[in-house]
Amino acid sequence: MSDADDKEKRRKKQAKRMTKLVSAAWEWNEAFRTSSELPNALYLEDIGRKIDRNEYKLGRHGWEDFALDFGGVFHSHVAK
């Protein structure tokens, strides 16, 4: 298995785990999903799109960016 294949396999595994977290949070509160009420707020739908477009880096830095976005979704709704 080449390095590229291994990296792609790890990227898919990371995306799958991130998607599981977003899917679980999707059930918590409808307000977190998508809306136009808060103009600059992130929503779970936005995070899902970023996962689909592979915008989160592989590894720790990707997880940190994901956690920042994920926490931002909840902060923007709790702080409103």
C-alpha atoms as a PDB file:
ATOM      1  CA  MET A   1       0.000   0.000   0.000  1.00  0.00           C
ATOM      2  CA  SER A   2       1.445   3.343  -1.013  1.00  0.00           C
ATOM      3  CA  ASP A   3       1.658   6.441   1.163  1.00  0.00           C
ATOM      4  CA  ALA A   4      -1.061   8.116  -0.913  1.00  0.00           C
ATOM      5  CA  ASP A   5      -3.409   5.166  -0.419  1.00  0.00           C
ATOM      6  CA  ASP A   6      -2.692   5.101   3.304  1.00  0.00           C
ATOM      7  CA  LYS A   7      -3.268   8.843   3.608  1.00  0.00           C
ATOM      8  CA  GLU A   8      -6.560   8.593   1.712  1.00  0.00           C
ATOM      9  CA  LYS A   9      -7.683   5.742   3.948  1.00  0.00           C
ATOM     10  CA  ARG A  10      -6.902   7.789   7.084  1.00  0.00           C
ATOM     11  CA  ARG A  11      -8.648  10.851   5.612  1.00  0.00           C
ATOM     12  CA  LYS A  12     -11.805   8.829   4.936  1.00  0.00           C
ATOM     13  CA  LYS A  13     -11.722   7.376   8.453  1.00  0.00           C
ATOM     14  CA  GLN A  14     -11.390  10.864   9.943  1.00  0.00           C
ATOM     15  CA  ALA A  15     -14.246  12.199   7.793  1.00  0.00           C
ATOM     16  CA  LYS A  16     -16.425   9.268   8.853  1.00  0.00           C
ATOM     17  CA  ARG A  17     -15.820  10.024  12.545  1.00  0.00           C
ATOM     18  CA  MET A  18     -16.540  13.721  12.053  1.00  0.00           C
ATOM     19  CA  THR A  19     -19.738  12.877  10.195  1.00  0.00           C
ATOM     20  CA  LYS A  20     -20.847  10.644  13.081  1.00  0.00           C
ATOM     21  CA  LEU A  21     -20.467  13.561  15.505  1.00  0.00           C
ATOM     22  CA  VAL A  22     -22.389  15.944  13.248  1.00  0.00           C
ATOM     23  CA  SER A  23     -25.116  13.329  12.751  1.00  0.00           C
ATOM     24  CA  ALA A  24     -25.510  12.828  16.496  1.00  0.00           C
ATOM     25  CA  ALA A  25     -25.683  16.584  17.095  1.00  0.00           C
ATOM     26  CA  TRP A  26     -28.267  16.901  14.303  1.00  0.00           C
ATOM     27  CA  GLU A  27     -30.764  15.160  16.596  1.00  0.00           C
ATOM     28  CA  TRP A  28     -30.180  17.467  19.590  1.00  0.00           C
ATOM     29  CA  ASN A  29     -31.835  20.666  18.497  1.00  0.00           C
ATOM     30  CA  GLU A  30     -33.345  21.747  15.206  1.00  0.00           C
ATOM     31  CA  ALA A  31     -31.931  25.275  15.667  1.00  0.00           C
ATOM     32  CA  PHE A  32     -28.374  23.965  15.198  1.00  0.00           C
ATOM     33  CA  ARG A  33     -29.082  22.521  11.759  1.00  0.00           C
ATOM     34  CA  THR A  34     -29.542  25.418   9.350  1.00  0.00           C
ATOM     35  CA  SER A  35     -31.178  28.794   9.448  1.00  0.00           C
ATOM     36  CA  SER A  36     -30.826  32.379   8.323  1.00  0.00           C
ATOM     37  CA  GLU A  37     -31.586  33.909  11.714  1.00  0.00           C
ATOM     38  CA  LEU A  38     -27.943  34.471  12.638  1.00  0.00           C
ATOM     39  CA  PRO A  39     -26.091  35.947   9.652  1.00  0.00           C
ATOM     40  CA  ASN A  40     -22.489  35.013  10.552  1.00  0.00           C
ATOM     41  CA  ALA A  41     -23.171  31.841  12.509  1.00  0.00           C
ATOM     42  CA  LEU A  42     -22.069  28.387  11.470  1.00  0.00           C
ATOM     43  CA  TYR A  43     -24.582  25.576  11.385  1.00  0.00           C
ATOM     44  CA  LEU A  44     -24.204  21.803  11.368  1.00  0.00           C
ATOM     45  CA  GLU A  45     -25.082  21.816   7.687  1.00  0.00           C
ATOM     46  CA  ASP A  46     -22.068  24.064   7.010  1.00  0.00           C
ATOM     47  CA  ILE A  47     -19.768  21.703   8.888  1.00  0.00           C
ATOM     48  CA  GLY A  48     -21.148  18.776   6.903  1.00  0.00           C
ATOM     49  CA  ARG A  49     -20.376  20.582   3.662  1.00  0.00           C
ATOM     50  CA  LYS A  50     -16.820  21.263   4.832  1.00  0.00           C
ATOM     51  CA  ILE A  51     -16.387  17.548   5.586  1.00  0.00           C
ATOM     52  CA  ASP A  52     -17.727  16.632   2.145  1.00  0.00           C
ATOM     53  CA  ARG A  53     -15.309  19.068   0.469  1.00  0.00           C
ATOM     54  CA  ASN A  54     -12.358  17.731   2.520  1.00  0.00           C
ATOM     55  CA  GLU A  55     -11.683  21.169   3.999  1.00  0.00           C
ATOM     56  CA  TYR A  56     -10.487  19.739   7.307  1.00  0.00           C
ATOM     57  CA  LYS A  57      -6.819  18.762   7.236  1.00  0.00           C
ATOM     58  CA  LEU A  58      -5.801  15.231   8.053  1.00  0.00           C
ATOM     59  CA  GLY A  59      -4.741  14.714  11.643  1.00  0.00           C
ATOM     60  CA  ARG A  60      -4.616  16.883  14.721  1.00  0.00           C
ATOM     61  CA  HIS A  61      -4.933  20.219  12.936  1.00  0.00           C
ATOM     62  CA  GLY A  62      -8.047  19.045  11.115  1.00  0.00           C
ATOM     63  CA  TRP A  63      -9.601  17.889  14.368  1.00  0.00           C
ATOM     64  CA  GLU A  64      -8.756  21.217  15.997  1.00  0.00           C
ATOM     65  CA  ASP A  65     -10.434  23.133  13.152  1.00  0.00           C
ATOM     66  CA  PHE A  66     -13.433  20.809  13.342  1.00  0.00           C
ATOM     67  CA  ALA A  67     -13.719  21.290  17.110  1.00  0.00           C
ATOM     68  CA  LEU A  68     -13.500  25.051  16.697  1.00  0.00           C
ATOM     69  CA  ASP A  69     -16.333  25.027  14.141  1.00  0.00           C
ATOM     70  CA  PHE A  70     -18.389  22.529  16.136  1.00  0.00           C
ATOM     71  CA  GLY A  71     -18.057  24.601  19.303  1.00  0.00           C
ATOM     72  CA  GLY A  72     -18.837  27.739  17.327  1.00  0.00           C
ATOM     73  CA  VAL A  73     -22.176  26.310  16.253  1.00  0.00           C
ATOM     74  CA  PHE A  74     -23.259  25.790  19.828  1.00  0.00           C
ATOM     75  CA  HIS A  75     -21.770  29.041  21.098  1.00  0.00           C
ATOM     76  CA  SER A  76     -23.582  31.104  18.465  1.00  0.00           C
ATOM     77  CA  HIS A  77     -26.911  29.546  19.442  1.00  0.00           C
ATOM     78  CA  VAL A  78     -26.409  29.687  23.200  1.00  0.00           C
ATOM     79  CA  ALA A  79     -25.203  33.286  23.061  1.00  0.00           C
ATOM     80  CA  LYS A  80     -28.143  34.572  20.976  1.00  0.00           C
END
